[in-house]
Amino acid sequence: MRIDNFINECNALPSETSLEYQQVAPSFKFSNTGRRGTKYFSIPLKQVIEALEDIKTNLAIYSKYPRYVEADWRYLFSNYISNEITIALAGVQTFPMFSLLNKVVTISNKLDNYSDKDIQLSEDYLDTAIDYLTSQMPDDDVYLNLLQPQKINDENRLQTGRNIVYYGAPGTGKSYAIDQKTEEDFTVRTVFHPDTQYSDFIGSLKPVMANEKINYAFRPGSFTDAIILAVNNPSKECTLVVEEINRAAAAAAFGEIFQLLDRQPTRQSKYPINVSDPDWLAYLNSKTDNYFENEKLVIPSNLSIVATMNSSDQAVMPLDTAFKRRWEFEYLPIDYANAPQGTLPIPLESDDGEVEMYDVLWADFAKVVNNALALDHIPEDKLLGHRFLDDNELNENGESALKGKLLMYLWDDVLRHGQRSVIFADYIYNSDGEEVELTTYGQLIQTYNASRNVLRDSLASELIELTSAKAEAQ
């Protein structure tokens, strides 16, 4: 927005004070005499020209007072100067203003015998001074036009936009994969949750405080922010990241922009939609130099929408077929070679009944558990991704990560429907040394805390064998 239009909008606000755009111009910085401490003042070139023109208009009066007398010139300035700002300045800095005008007339006319308190006034002298200062004024129209944003050019806009969903078991690095392919400065992120609505994703009119009064303004959602980012950066690959897209009713959250997901070969939306919300349209145009002035909304060709989903979560919602067909789906497999290198402290019981604490490599534990789950036909999206536990969790407190995250996930989420014996022991020894059936998560943790085995015998044996073999190989 140009500064003149900006000031006009400021002036339209309810206020007891006013604002007005003043033409761009150099200014004179001048001082008082300094007898009571030097102070400095500034006056734009345009106001000096106006003052000289006022003197010329009233030359018959001004010419009677060629010598400075404060009362006389204060009267002249207050009654025969048209600019209110100049009047206010000259009213308190009368001599500095007189001296400034005197110097301008003297130098522009190359006059001799300068006296600080005597001004040489004539119509010719004033014309010469006015002509010189006018020649030094910049072209205001040129300046304002330079401030006008250039119309966004779509000719060189990148054609990289995709709609893609990354999916796979928890911890396969879906978010990490997105991070590696996007540039942070040109990425907008959001996370869907069961309460996510259309107004959250797109934006809505919300109350704001202004001048101690409640007004309403459009507050953008992540989709709107991403559209604006992409429109204004045609040479950049921009990305809207939607984490956990299926934890909300995705089709409802997208609403009417569902149709924009169909793309042309140029990667722009194939079917534009009319922006029915005038507040949304006004906001979009205010941020994109009226890019959507035809009231048609499209997803720019340089904007990708990248989502993650994990169908094993208990709170997930299904994606309907019409919504799904507008996306590419990329499966991220479990890759044990890229698993963090930390270990988990696990008490394991050997075939001879001895229980010993082993530091089991996380990758080995995940692989053994996943093999057991797969053999029991547990869905693949419930398996342990190689980054289900990250480096920090393993290195800082592997025991806490094991009890508070890993075992809980297996017990409450993966095996909650009566298949717990696939991983866990059917019977454990309680604190009294009695063998009891393992039926609760509380029992599981108490048994682990007592450094007793909680895993199925075959899994414990396999983990002991793997861990021992690697220890011997070192």
Foldseek 3Di string as FASTA:
>chain_A
DFPQVVQVVVQPDDDPDGTHDDFDAAWDKWWAPQPVHIDIDIDGLVLLLQQLVLCLVVVVQCVVPQFDDLVSQLVCLCPRRDDPVSNVVCNVRVLRVQQVNQVLLCVLVVHPDRDSGGHDDDNVSSVSSSVVSVVRGDDRVVVRVVVQDDAQDLPQFAQDAAEEEEEFAQFLCQVVVVVVVDDVVQEFEDEDAAPQAQCQAAWDWDWDADPNDTDIATDGHRVLVNQLSCSVCRHAQHEYEYEACQNYQNCRNCDPCLQQLPADPSQKRPDWDADPDPRSQVVSCVSNVCPCVVRTDMRRSRYYYYYYHQVLDPSGHDHDPSSVVSHHYDYRYADLVPAAFFWAFAWFAAPVGDTDTFGFGPSQLQVLLQVLCVVVVQDRNLGDHSRSDDNCCRVVPRHCCCLVPVVCSCPVRRCVPPPNLSWWPQWDQDPVRDIDGDDDSVRVVRCVVVSHHTTHNVSSHSRVVVRVVVVVVD
